[in-house]
Amino acid sequence: MTRKKMFFITLVIAAALVASGAAFAAEKAFLSIATGGTSGTYYPIGGAIAQAVSKGGAIQATAETSNASVANVNLVATKEIEVAFVQNDITFWAYTGGMMFESPLTNLRAIAALYPEHLQLITTKNSGVKVIDDLKGKRVGVGAPGSGTEGDVRAILQIAGLSYEDMKTDFLDFGATTSRFKDNQIDAGFVVAGYPTASVMDLATTKDITLLDFTPEYMDKLVKEFPYFIKSSIPAKTYSGIDNDITTPAVMAILITHDEIPEDVIYEFTKSMFDNIADIHAAHAKGKEITLKTALDGLTVPLHPGAAKYFKEQGMSTD
């Protein structure tokens, strides 16, 4: 073989190796993030997180609408989706096989806690509902069947000594709840979401609504019996016409995945999200509450190793 021919072959092999390396470098992990309905808070926050994660370059993330927490847990557990928004109470029930889950879903893993989600018991100012006992005999929206909201409502009513039989219940999602108010078809409705919730903001511009202000005694009983709830409040002026702070329970919104997503992928996801957290803060009022300081608060399933690696690099304890 001549020197010239050997040189040519070497060039061809080198070019092939470079092309192969470039193709490898160009490969990305594609992840879908299950959020919630377009009238809730998960959807806009999920879109902001997807953009922030994609900005890192190693992952292409896409936010998708879904039926929120319970549906999202099942999507992740069955590996139909990679990442999802879920309430920490729902992950607790899922991991332990409680409430609406027939058996434990032990492959769930946490990525990070996001922000508090407040239980908002909406009613009109002329409905006569001043305390939770006043729901007796009323037309009440209790969340979509089997949803996170509906699971929380069961706990809320249990502490009050109430059941669905005490009222005229309607199983409605966020959008349907506010629509029924507009049509004067319900007296009260439960929404569990980060404030300000788009559908509630819209309702407050057309109806004279208020939110139930839970008493300190009730809150003490609730958090003692169901410790995934926290005591919190919704500030005055959050919604049009509500001029006082509202004391109400909250749960934590968290991001979850499953245990078969590679460690390096979730590490890059977590790192890119927090590297670009300013973009998330700018996208939505609730996004400002997503911080490293609270990223490990209220997690009710084990942390994914990739997320744990990132938080340890930030000097945070993951034990």
Protein backbone atom coordinates (compact mmCIF):
# COMPACT_ATOMS: atom_id res chain seq x y z
CA MET A 1 0.00 0.00 0.00
CA THR A 2 1.43 3.36 -1.01
CA ARG A 3 2.04 6.16 1.49
CA LYS A 4 -0.45 8.34 -0.38
CA LYS A 5 -3.18 5.66 -0.13
CA MET A 6 -2.53 5.09 3.59
CA PHE A 7 -2.82 8.82 4.22
CA PHE A 8 -6.16 8.89 2.38
CA ILE A 9 -7.53 5.98 4.43
CA THR A 10 -6.40 7.66 7.64
CA LEU A 11 -8.26 10.82 6.66
CA VAL A 12 -11.45 8.85 5.94
CA ILE A 13 -11.28 7.07 9.31
CA ALA A 14 -10.58 10.33 11.14
CA ALA A 15 -13.48 12.04 9.41
CA ALA A 16 -15.79 9.16 10.33
CA LEU A 17 -14.69 9.33 13.95
CA VAL A 18 -15.22 13.10 14.08
CA ALA A 19 -18.66 12.74 12.52
CA SER A 20 -19.54 9.98 14.97
CA GLY A 21 -18.36 12.08 17.90
CA ALA A 22 -20.29 15.09 16.67
CA ALA A 23 -23.44 13.01 16.32
CA PHE A 24 -22.99 11.68 19.82
CA ALA A 25 -22.41 15.16 21.22
CA ALA A 26 -25.53 16.39 19.47
CA GLU A 27 -27.70 13.74 21.12
CA LYS A 28 -30.09 15.06 23.77
CA ALA A 29 -32.32 13.48 26.35
CA PHE A 30 -35.96 14.21 25.54
CA LEU A 31 -38.19 14.51 28.58
CA SER A 32 -41.90 15.27 28.87
CA ILE A 33 -43.25 17.04 31.96
CA ALA A 34 -46.86 16.28 32.89
CA THR A 35 -48.45 19.40 34.39
CA GLY A 36 -52.20 20.00 34.77
CA GLY A 37 -55.07 21.77 33.04
CA THR A 38 -54.54 25.11 31.32
CA SER A 39 -56.65 26.92 33.96
CA GLY A 40 -54.39 25.87 36.86
CA THR A 41 -50.88 26.84 37.97
CA TYR A 42 -48.98 23.67 36.98
CA TYR A 43 -49.28 24.36 33.26
CA PRO A 44 -47.61 27.81 33.08
CA ILE A 45 -44.98 26.88 35.68
CA GLY A 46 -44.31 23.62 33.83
CA GLY A 47 -43.76 25.52 30.60
CA ALA A 48 -41.28 27.82 32.33
CA ILE A 49 -39.39 24.87 33.85
CA ALA A 50 -39.27 23.10 30.47
CA GLN A 51 -37.74 26.19 28.87
CA ALA A 52 -35.24 26.62 31.71
CA VAL A 53 -34.15 22.97 31.56
CA SER A 54 -33.87 23.03 27.76
CA LYS A 55 -31.68 26.13 28.00
CA GLY A 56 -28.96 23.98 29.56
CA GLY A 57 -28.50 22.21 26.22
CA ALA A 58 -28.26 18.58 27.39
CA ILE A 59 -32.02 18.04 27.66
CA GLN A 60 -34.99 18.96 25.49
CA ALA A 61 -37.95 19.24 27.86
CA THR A 62 -41.59 19.72 26.89
CA ALA A 63 -44.53 20.56 29.17
CA GLU A 64 -47.78 18.71 28.53
CA THR A 65 -51.30 19.24 29.85
CA SER A 66 -52.70 16.46 32.01
CA ASN A 67 -55.30 15.67 34.65
CA ALA A 68 -52.87 16.73 37.41
CA SER A 69 -51.61 14.94 40.51
CA VAL A 70 -53.26 11.51 40.64
CA ALA A 71 -53.08 11.01 36.89
CA ASN A 72 -49.48 12.26 36.89
CA VAL A 73 -48.40 9.79 39.58
CA ASN A 74 -49.80 6.92 37.53
CA LEU A 75 -48.16 8.20 34.34
CA VAL A 76 -44.76 8.30 36.06
CA ALA A 77 -45.19 4.99 37.88
CA THR A 78 -46.06 3.22 34.60
CA LYS A 79 -43.17 5.03 32.83
CA GLU A 80 -45.50 6.66 30.32
CA ILE A 81 -43.94 10.03 31.14
CA GLU A 82 -40.59 10.99 32.64
CA VAL A 83 -41.30 13.94 34.96
CA ALA A 84 -44.48 15.27 36.55
CA PHE A 85 -45.97 17.84 38.90
CA VAL A 86 -47.63 16.24 41.93
CA GLN A 87 -48.87 17.31 45.34
CA ASN A 88 -46.88 15.87 48.24
CA ASP A 89 -50.01 14.40 49.81
CA ILE A 90 -50.71 12.44 46.63
CA THR A 91 -47.16 11.08 46.48
CA PHE A 92 -47.48 10.06 50.12
CA TRP A 93 -50.66 8.10 49.40
CA ALA A 94 -49.18 6.64 46.20
CA TYR A 95 -45.92 5.49 47.79
CA THR A 96 -47.70 3.92 50.76
CA GLY A 97 -50.73 2.57 48.87
CA GLY A 98 -53.24 4.78 50.69
CA MET A 99 -56.43 6.68 49.81
CA MET A 100 -57.12 6.26 46.06
CA PHE A 101 -54.18 3.90 45.42
CA GLU A 102 -54.82 0.17 45.71
CA SER A 103 -51.14 -0.79 46.05
CA PRO A 104 -47.87 1.06 46.75
CA LEU A 105 -46.08 2.71 43.82
CA THR A 106 -42.55 2.38 45.17
CA ASN A 107 -40.66 3.33 41.99
CA LEU A 108 -41.54 7.03 42.43
CA ARG A 109 -38.62 9.39 43.09
CA ALA A 110 -38.55 13.09 43.95
CA ILE A 111 -36.61 15.74 42.02
CA ALA A 112 -37.42 18.87 44.03
CA ALA A 113 -40.08 20.65 46.04
CA LEU A 114 -41.48 23.67 44.25
CA TYR A 115 -43.98 25.81 46.18
CA PRO A 116 -46.99 25.59 48.51
CA GLU A 117 -50.37 24.81 46.94
CA HIS A 118 -53.23 26.32 48.83
CA LEU A 119 -56.61 24.79 49.40
CA GLN A 120 -59.02 27.49 48.27
CA LEU A 121 -62.63 27.01 49.35
CA ILE A 122 -64.44 29.44 47.09
CA THR A 123 -67.91 30.70 47.86
CA THR A 124 -70.01 33.74 47.07
CA LYS A 125 -70.48 36.46 49.67
CA ASN A 126 -74.25 35.90 49.71
CA SER A 127 -74.09 32.08 49.96
CA GLY A 128 -74.34 31.96 53.75
CA VAL A 129 -71.11 29.90 54.00
CA LYS A 130 -69.07 31.52 56.77
CA VAL A 131 -67.54 28.42 58.43
CA ILE A 132 -66.99 24.93 57.06
CA ASP A 133 -70.07 23.52 58.87
CA ASP A 134 -72.16 25.84 56.68
CA LEU A 135 -71.50 23.52 53.71
CA LYS A 136 -74.32 21.28 54.97
CA GLY A 137 -77.10 21.23 52.41
CA LYS A 138 -75.13 23.35 49.92
CA ARG A 139 -74.17 22.60 46.31
CA VAL A 140 -70.43 21.97 46.53
CA GLY A 141 -67.76 21.25 43.90
CA VAL A 142 -65.29 18.80 45.45
CA GLY A 143 -62.74 18.31 42.67
CA ALA A 144 -62.56 15.89 39.74
CA PRO A 145 -63.18 12.23 40.70
CA GLY A 146 -60.02 10.66 42.16
CA SER A 147 -58.05 13.90 41.83
CA GLY A 148 -55.63 15.40 44.34
CA THR A 149 -58.18 18.07 45.14
CA GLU A 150 -60.83 15.49 45.88
CA GLY A 151 -58.44 13.54 48.11
CA ASP A 152 -57.73 16.71 50.09
CA VAL A 153 -61.43 17.52 50.34
CA ARG A 154 -62.07 14.12 51.95
CA ALA A 155 -59.48 14.95 54.62
CA ILE A 156 -60.85 18.49 55.10
CA LEU A 157 -64.41 17.21 55.56
CA GLN A 158 -63.30 14.39 57.87
CA ILE A 159 -61.82 16.87 60.36
CA ALA A 160 -65.04 18.89 60.22
CA GLY A 161 -67.14 15.77 60.85
CA LEU A 162 -68.80 16.12 57.45
CA SER A 163 -69.32 13.72 54.54
CA TYR A 164 -70.50 13.98 50.97
CA GLU A 165 -73.95 12.88 52.13
CA ASP A 166 -74.27 16.15 54.07
CA MET A 167 -74.19 18.22 50.88
CA LYS A 168 -75.04 18.15 47.19
CA THR A 169 -71.66 17.24 45.76
CA ASP A 170 -70.46 17.84 42.23
CA PHE A 171 -67.16 16.33 41.03
CA LEU A 172 -65.62 19.19 39.09
CA ASP A 173 -62.14 20.22 37.94
CA PHE A 174 -60.84 23.81 38.26
CA GLY A 175 -62.38 25.11 35.07
CA ALA A 176 -65.75 23.44 35.59
CA THR A 177 -65.92 24.70 39.18
CA THR A 178 -65.59 28.33 38.14
CA SER A 179 -67.99 27.84 35.23
CA ARG A 180 -70.67 26.49 37.57
CA PHE A 181 -70.25 29.57 39.77
CA LYS A 182 -70.79 31.80 36.76
CA ASP A 183 -74.01 29.94 35.99
CA ASN A 184 -75.14 30.03 39.66
CA GLN A 185 -75.16 26.23 39.80
CA ILE A 186 -73.00 25.77 42.92
CA ASP A 187 -72.65 27.55 46.27
CA ALA A 188 -69.07 26.57 47.08
CA GLY A 189 -66.16 24.87 45.38
CA PHE A 190 -62.71 23.54 46.30
CA VAL A 191 -59.57 24.29 44.31
CA VAL A 192 -56.07 23.19 45.37
CA ALA A 193 -53.48 25.20 43.47
CA GLY A 194 -50.82 27.84 43.84
CA TYR A 195 -52.24 31.33 44.04
CA PRO A 196 -53.07 33.36 42.09
CA THR A 197 -55.01 30.66 40.20
CA ALA A 198 -56.02 31.84 36.73
CA SER A 199 -59.56 30.43 36.84
CA VAL A 200 -60.22 31.96 40.28
CA MET A 201 -58.84 35.33 39.16
CA ASP A 202 -61.19 35.24 36.18
CA LEU A 203 -64.16 34.30 38.36
CA ALA A 204 -63.44 37.14 40.80
CA THR A 205 -63.86 39.67 37.98
CA THR A 206 -67.43 38.55 37.29
CA LYS A 207 -68.77 37.26 40.63
CA ASP A 208 -68.70 38.62 44.18
CA ILE A 209 -66.68 35.74 45.65
CA THR A 210 -64.75 35.15 48.84
CA LEU A 211 -62.58 32.36 50.30
CA LEU A 212 -63.37 30.50 53.49
CA ASP A 213 -61.11 31.61 56.36
CA PHE A 214 -60.32 28.49 58.43
CA THR A 215 -60.21 28.90 62.21
CA PRO A 216 -56.99 28.28 64.21
CA GLU A 217 -58.70 25.43 66.08
CA TYR A 218 -59.63 23.69 62.86
CA MET A 219 -56.13 24.12 61.42
CA ASP A 220 -54.53 22.63 64.54
CA LYS A 221 -56.69 19.50 64.22
CA LEU A 222 -56.04 19.16 60.48
CA VAL A 223 -52.22 19.30 60.55
CA LYS A 224 -52.11 16.97 63.55
CA GLU A 225 -54.20 14.33 61.77
CA PHE A 226 -52.74 14.86 58.27
CA PRO A 227 -49.14 16.13 58.63
CA TYR A 228 -48.60 16.64 54.89
CA PHE A 229 -50.78 19.75 55.27
CA ILE A 230 -49.17 22.96 56.46
CA LYS A 231 -50.75 26.06 57.98
CA SER A 232 -50.61 28.93 55.55
CA SER A 233 -52.49 31.93 54.21
CA ILE A 234 -53.43 33.74 51.01
CA PRO A 235 -52.62 37.47 51.16
CA ALA A 236 -55.28 40.15 50.91
CA LYS A 237 -55.86 41.53 47.40
CA THR A 238 -54.70 38.29 45.75
CA TYR A 239 -58.15 38.17 44.18
CA SER A 240 -60.45 41.08 43.38
CA GLY A 241 -62.85 41.85 46.22
CA ILE A 242 -61.04 39.83 48.90
CA ASP A 243 -59.46 42.48 51.12
CA ASN A 244 -58.25 40.38 54.07
CA ASP A 245 -55.66 37.62 54.51
CA ILE A 246 -57.24 34.16 54.31
CA THR A 247 -56.01 31.40 56.66
CA THR A 248 -56.09 28.10 54.79
CA PRO A 249 -54.25 24.75 54.55
CA ALA A 250 -51.57 24.11 51.92
CA VAL A 251 -49.67 21.14 50.53
CA MET A 252 -46.39 21.23 48.59
CA ALA A 253 -46.15 20.95 44.82
CA ILE A 254 -43.18 18.75 43.94
CA LEU A 255 -41.54 17.37 40.81
CA ILE A 256 -41.23 13.58 40.56
CA THR A 257 -39.74 11.00 38.22
CA HIS A 258 -39.23 7.23 38.38
CA ASP A 259 -36.24 5.16 39.44
CA GLU A 260 -35.24 4.03 35.93
CA ILE A 261 -34.41 7.48 34.58
CA PRO A 262 -30.57 7.64 34.50
CA GLU A 263 -28.80 9.55 37.25
CA ASP A 264 -26.98 11.85 34.82
CA VAL A 265 -30.23 12.86 33.11
CA ILE A 266 -31.96 13.92 36.33
CA TYR A 267 -28.74 15.59 37.50
CA GLU A 268 -28.69 17.72 34.33
CA PHE A 269 -32.43 18.40 34.64
CA THR A 270 -32.06 19.63 38.22
CA LYS A 271 -28.91 21.62 37.52
CA SER A 272 -30.36 23.35 34.45
CA MET A 273 -33.56 24.18 36.29
CA PHE A 274 -31.76 25.93 39.14
CA ASP A 275 -29.05 27.45 36.92
CA ASN A 276 -31.85 29.21 35.04
CA ILE A 277 -34.18 29.79 38.00
CA ALA A 278 -34.40 33.52 37.22
CA ASP A 279 -36.34 32.66 34.05
CA ILE A 280 -38.84 30.66 36.09
CA HIS A 281 -39.18 33.49 38.61
CA ALA A 282 -39.96 35.90 35.79
CA ALA A 283 -42.57 33.65 34.17
CA HIS A 284 -45.20 33.43 36.94
CA ALA A 285 -45.83 34.87 40.40
CA LYS A 286 -45.71 31.39 41.94
CA GLY A 287 -42.42 30.70 40.19
CA LYS A 288 -40.72 33.18 42.53
CA GLU A 289 -41.29 30.73 45.39
CA ILE A 290 -39.17 28.00 43.77
CA THR A 291 -35.76 28.23 45.45
CA LEU A 292 -32.85 26.03 46.44
CA LYS A 293 -33.57 26.93 50.06
CA THR A 294 -36.92 25.10 49.99
CA ALA A 295 -36.13 22.47 47.34
CA LEU A 296 -36.08 19.61 49.85
CA ASP A 297 -39.12 20.68 51.92
CA GLY A 298 -42.09 18.35 52.15
CA LEU A 299 -40.76 15.52 49.99
CA THR A 300 -42.80 12.38 50.69
CA VAL A 301 -40.95 9.93 48.41
CA PRO A 302 -37.18 9.18 48.16
CA LEU A 303 -34.98 11.63 46.29
CA HIS A 304 -33.70 10.51 42.87
CA PRO A 305 -29.90 9.95 42.96
CA GLY A 306 -29.36 12.49 40.17
CA ALA A 307 -31.17 15.21 42.09
CA ALA A 308 -29.40 14.19 45.31
CA LYS A 309 -26.02 14.56 43.57
CA TYR A 310 -26.86 18.12 42.52
CA PHE A 311 -28.12 19.19 45.94
CA LYS A 312 -25.06 17.70 47.66
CA GLU A 313 -22.87 19.76 45.33
CA GLN A 314 -24.73 22.82 46.65
CA GLY A 315 -23.80 21.83 50.21
CA MET A 316 -27.30 20.64 51.09
CA SER A 317 -28.06 17.64 53.29
CA THR A 318 -30.17 15.00 51.51
CA ASP A 319 -30.36 12.54 54.42
